[in-house]
Each structure stands twice: as C-alpha cells, then as structure tokens.
Amino acid sequence: MNEIDAIIKGLGDWRGETLSRVRKLILAADPDAVEEIKWRKPTNPAGVPVWCHEGIICTGETYKDKVKITFPKGASLIDPSGLFNASLKGNVRRAIDIREGEEIEANAFKSLIREAVAQNTSVR
C-alpha cells in the first residue's frame, strides 16, 4: 500500500471515496502522472496527495466538509464546464471543492487534467 492508499483508507468515509474516485480520473486522463506526498506538517502528518507530470497537475486536500482539488495554474486553464468553484479570485490557482454527495463530471475533469499536463509540458 502506498502513502495515498493509506490516506484514503485512513479517512474511512465519503472523503476517502471521493479522493479515490478523483485519483482514478487523474490516472485515467494521464497514466504517466506521478503521485507524491508533499507538505507534511504537525497539523497534517500524512501530507497532501499531489499528482505531477513535469510540474504539479493538482493536489488533493481533505477537510471535514470537502475534498479540495487545487490546480496551481488553474487560472490559465480553459474550464468550459465550470468545474472550478473555489479560489476563483486569485490570478494563478483554481480549485474544485467537492462536498459530501456531490459528483464531479468525469469527462470535464479529465479534460482539465489533460490541459494541465499540456501546460506543464508546453505541448499546447
């Protein structure tokens, strides 16, 4: 079991299930994505799951009331489906907050992942 599996299992609730679904979509959209754990600290010793491909694609943080998927360069990504619903006022990043009972539109999310990868690899 890798560290992200341990985080998902440790959550043991809807947040773990949501993070697991998001993870599957990320890896389906970019099979070459590398999974890492970053930003360990006393208040979050497990750290934050991060998916990278020549730079960070997105992060997956869990809170009591949501799973937050943050795209560090999200402001420059095209989001025709309007998935971004958080961190909308900044000039660089954008996020998707997923609350209990909410589903993310799979094809639109995978398109965002592929676009983030293209931006990281300068293939646009």
Protein backbone atom coordinates (compact mmCIF):
# COMPACT_ATOMS: atom_id res chain seq x y z
CA MET A 1 0.00 0.00 0.00
CA ASN A 2 1.43 3.38 -0.97
CA GLU A 3 1.01 6.59 1.01
CA ILE A 4 -2.01 7.86 -0.95
CA ASP A 5 -3.74 4.49 -0.44
CA ALA A 6 -3.04 4.88 3.30
CA ILE A 7 -4.52 8.40 3.35
CA ILE A 8 -7.66 7.20 1.54
CA LYS A 9 -8.04 4.20 3.85
CA GLY A 10 -7.38 6.35 6.92
CA LEU A 11 -10.20 8.71 6.03
CA GLY A 12 -12.67 5.84 6.04
CA ASP A 13 -15.63 7.92 4.91
CA TRP A 14 -17.08 9.74 1.90
CA ARG A 15 -13.92 11.88 1.65
CA GLY A 16 -11.78 8.80 1.08
CA GLU A 17 -14.22 7.51 -1.53
CA THR A 18 -14.22 10.91 -3.25
CA LEU A 19 -10.43 11.19 -3.23
CA SER A 20 -10.21 7.65 -4.60
CA ARG A 21 -12.60 8.47 -7.48
CA VAL A 22 -10.69 11.67 -8.28
CA ARG A 23 -7.41 9.76 -8.23
CA LYS A 24 -8.76 7.21 -10.71
CA LEU A 25 -9.87 10.02 -13.05
CA ILE A 26 -6.46 11.71 -12.84
CA LEU A 27 -4.63 8.47 -13.66
CA ALA A 28 -7.09 7.67 -16.45
CA ALA A 29 -6.52 11.09 -18.00
CA ASP A 30 -2.73 10.90 -17.56
CA PRO A 31 -1.35 7.40 -16.99
CA ASP A 32 2.13 8.95 -16.71
CA ALA A 33 1.18 11.11 -13.73
CA VAL A 34 3.46 10.66 -10.73
CA GLU A 35 1.89 10.51 -7.30
CA GLU A 36 3.70 12.17 -4.41
CA ILE A 37 3.05 13.34 -0.88
CA LYS A 38 4.09 16.90 -0.07
CA TRP A 39 3.74 19.42 2.73
CA ARG A 40 3.86 17.18 5.80
CA LYS A 41 3.49 19.19 9.00
CA PRO A 42 2.46 18.58 12.60
CA THR A 43 -1.15 19.50 11.85
CA ASN A 44 -1.18 17.18 8.81
CA PRO A 45 1.48 14.49 9.31
CA ALA A 46 0.19 12.38 6.39
CA GLY A 47 0.81 15.28 4.00
CA VAL A 48 -1.06 16.24 0.85
CA PRO A 49 -1.51 13.94 -2.17
CA VAL A 50 -0.03 15.58 -5.26
CA TRP A 51 -0.13 14.48 -8.89
CA CYS A 52 2.71 15.66 -11.13
CA HIS A 53 3.77 15.49 -14.75
CA GLU A 54 6.71 17.84 -15.40
CA GLY A 55 5.23 20.02 -12.65
CA ILE A 56 2.24 19.80 -10.36
CA ILE A 57 -1.03 18.92 -12.10
CA CYS A 58 -3.17 19.18 -8.97
CA THR A 59 -3.33 18.48 -5.25
CA GLY A 60 -5.98 16.68 -3.23
CA GLU A 61 -6.63 18.04 0.24
CA THR A 62 -9.33 16.78 2.57
CA TYR A 63 -11.24 18.85 5.10
CA LYS A 64 -14.17 17.96 7.35
CA ASP A 65 -16.72 19.24 4.83
CA LYS A 66 -14.99 18.86 1.46
CA VAL A 67 -12.31 17.41 -0.75
CA LYS A 68 -10.42 20.27 -2.41
CA ILE A 69 -8.69 19.61 -5.73
CA THR A 70 -6.37 22.53 -6.44
CA PHE A 71 -4.75 23.27 -9.78
CA PRO A 72 -1.77 25.56 -9.12
CA LYS A 73 -2.00 27.04 -12.63
CA GLY A 74 -5.77 26.71 -12.89
CA ALA A 75 -6.48 30.35 -13.77
CA SER A 76 -4.85 29.76 -17.16
CA LEU A 77 -6.83 26.57 -17.90
CA ILE A 78 -9.97 26.55 -20.01
CA ASP A 79 -12.93 25.33 -17.92
CA PRO A 80 -15.97 25.30 -20.23
CA SER A 81 -17.93 23.05 -17.86
CA GLY A 82 -17.43 25.40 -14.92
CA LEU A 83 -15.90 22.82 -12.60
CA PHE A 84 -13.81 25.39 -10.75
CA ASN A 85 -15.84 26.61 -7.80
CA ALA A 86 -13.18 27.79 -5.33
CA SER A 87 -10.11 30.04 -5.26
CA LEU A 88 -11.69 31.98 -8.13
CA LYS A 89 -10.38 35.44 -7.27
CA GLY A 90 -6.65 34.73 -7.50
CA ASN A 91 -4.56 35.27 -10.59
CA VAL A 92 -2.95 31.82 -10.66
CA ARG A 93 -4.65 28.90 -8.96
CA ARG A 94 -8.17 27.49 -9.10
CA ALA A 95 -9.81 24.72 -7.11
CA ILE A 96 -12.76 22.37 -7.14
CA ASP A 97 -14.48 21.80 -3.79
CA ILE A 98 -16.38 18.52 -3.70
CA ARG A 99 -18.80 18.14 -0.80
CA GLU A 100 -20.49 15.01 0.51
CA GLY A 101 -22.97 13.65 -2.01
CA GLU A 102 -21.55 15.66 -4.92
CA GLU A 103 -20.11 14.05 -8.02
CA ILE A 104 -17.57 15.53 -10.38
CA GLU A 105 -18.29 15.31 -14.12
CA ALA A 106 -15.72 12.74 -15.23
CA ASN A 107 -15.08 13.82 -18.82
CA ALA A 108 -14.84 17.51 -17.97
CA PHE A 109 -12.45 16.74 -15.10
CA LYS A 110 -10.24 14.54 -17.28
CA SER A 111 -10.12 17.36 -19.84
CA LEU A 112 -8.85 19.73 -17.15
CA ILE A 113 -6.20 17.19 -16.16
CA ARG A 114 -5.05 16.77 -19.76
CA GLU A 115 -4.95 20.54 -20.22
CA ALA A 116 -2.87 20.99 -17.05
CA VAL A 117 -0.45 18.33 -18.29
CA ALA A 118 -0.22 20.03 -21.69
CA GLN A 119 0.54 23.31 -19.98
CA ASN A 120 3.27 21.67 -17.87
CA THR A 121 4.82 20.02 -20.89
CA SER A 122 4.37 23.05 -23.19
CA VAL A 123 2.58 20.99 -25.85
CA ARG A 124 -0.23 23.45 -26.49
